[in-house]
Protein backbone atom coordinates (compact mmCIF):
# COMPACT_ATOMS: atom_id res chain seq x y z
CA MET A 1 -63.63 19.85 191.45
CA SER A 2 -60.35 19.70 193.27
CA SER A 3 -57.53 21.93 192.10
CA LEU A 4 -55.24 18.95 191.68
CA GLU A 5 -57.75 17.22 189.40
CA ALA A 6 -58.00 20.39 187.32
CA LEU A 7 -54.21 20.64 187.12
CA ASN A 8 -53.87 17.00 186.23
CA GLY A 9 -56.34 17.45 183.38
CA PHE A 10 -54.71 20.73 182.26
CA LYS A 11 -58.06 22.50 182.33
CA PHE A 12 -56.66 25.81 181.10
CA GLU A 13 -60.12 27.37 180.91
CA LEU A 14 -60.00 27.64 184.71
CA ASP A 15 -58.25 30.83 185.84
CA LEU A 16 -56.98 29.05 188.94
CA VAL A 17 -55.18 26.43 186.84
CA GLN A 18 -53.53 29.12 184.72
CA LYS A 19 -52.36 30.98 187.83
CA ILE A 20 -51.02 27.85 189.51
CA ILE A 21 -49.10 26.78 186.41
CA LYS A 22 -47.67 30.28 185.98
CA ASP A 23 -46.61 30.48 189.64
CA TYR A 24 -45.26 26.91 189.58
CA THR A 25 -43.15 27.64 186.50
CA HIS A 26 -41.82 30.87 187.99
CA LEU A 27 -40.88 29.24 191.30
CA THR A 28 -39.29 26.13 189.79
CA ASN A 29 -37.30 28.27 187.35
CA ASN A 30 -35.93 30.06 190.42
CA GLY A 31 -34.76 26.83 192.05
CA LYS A 32 -37.74 26.15 194.31
CA MET A 33 -39.19 22.66 194.69
CA ILE A 34 -42.98 22.51 194.71
CA ILE A 35 -44.87 19.46 195.94
CA PHE A 36 -48.65 19.23 195.56
CA CYS A 37 -50.52 17.20 198.14
CA TRP A 38 -54.12 16.10 198.07
CA ILE A 39 -56.04 16.21 201.33
CA PRO A 40 -59.06 13.91 200.94
CA SER A 41 -61.52 15.93 203.00
CA HIS A 42 -61.99 18.34 205.85
CA VAL A 43 -62.86 15.54 208.24
CA ASN A 44 -61.30 15.93 211.69
CA ILE A 45 -58.93 18.70 210.66
CA ARG A 46 -59.87 21.54 213.01
CA GLY A 47 -58.80 24.50 210.85
CA ASN A 48 -60.35 23.00 207.74
CA GLU A 49 -63.56 22.22 209.59
CA LYS A 50 -63.83 25.88 210.64
CA ALA A 51 -63.12 27.10 207.10
CA ASP A 52 -65.68 24.70 205.67
CA ALA A 53 -68.32 25.81 208.19
CA ALA A 54 -67.61 29.49 207.44
CA ALA A 55 -67.89 28.92 203.69
CA LYS A 56 -71.19 27.06 204.08
CA SER A 57 -72.65 29.75 206.34
CA ALA A 58 -71.69 32.44 203.81
CA LEU A 59 -74.03 30.80 201.28
CA SER A 60 -77.00 32.13 203.25
CA PHE A 61 -75.91 35.79 202.84
CA PRO A 62 -77.36 37.93 200.07
CA VAL A 63 -75.23 38.60 197.00
CA THR A 64 -73.50 41.95 197.26
CA LYS A 65 -73.15 44.07 194.14
CA MET A 66 -69.60 45.30 193.65
CA LYS A 67 -68.00 47.63 191.17
CA LEU A 68 -65.00 46.14 189.44
CA PRO A 69 -62.39 47.98 187.41
CA ALA A 70 -62.78 47.33 183.68
CA CYS A 71 -59.17 46.10 183.54
CA ASP A 72 -60.26 43.08 185.62
CA LEU A 73 -62.71 42.09 182.90
CA ILE A 74 -60.42 42.53 179.88
CA PRO A 75 -58.70 39.10 180.18
CA ARG A 76 -62.05 37.32 180.50
CA ILE A 77 -63.59 39.23 177.60
CA SER A 78 -60.54 38.55 175.42
CA LYS A 79 -60.70 34.85 176.26
CA PHE A 80 -64.42 34.73 175.52
CA CYS A 81 -63.99 36.52 172.16
CA LEU A 82 -61.12 34.25 171.15
CA LYS A 83 -63.19 31.15 171.94
CA GLN A 84 -66.17 32.50 170.00
CA TRP A 85 -63.93 33.29 167.02
CA GLN A 86 -62.33 29.83 167.12
CA ASP A 87 -65.76 28.17 167.29
CA ILE A 88 -66.82 30.05 164.14
């Protein structure tokens, strides 16, 4: 799903949408003008073609286990618990 589609639909469950809206609000409140542009595909755009190829090749690598600080999980856990509570 494109980021612009997610923003347009206000899909707040996506962390990326929340971050973009927060950053957008902060920047516009400080007098900056933000313009979002949709680029239809990576076709014939050299840098994008390289990025796309690198991302696709990374899919063949094994998953690496990483240790994450607990503080990185707290927002996700809180969100999950709130949703569970609201569903009940």
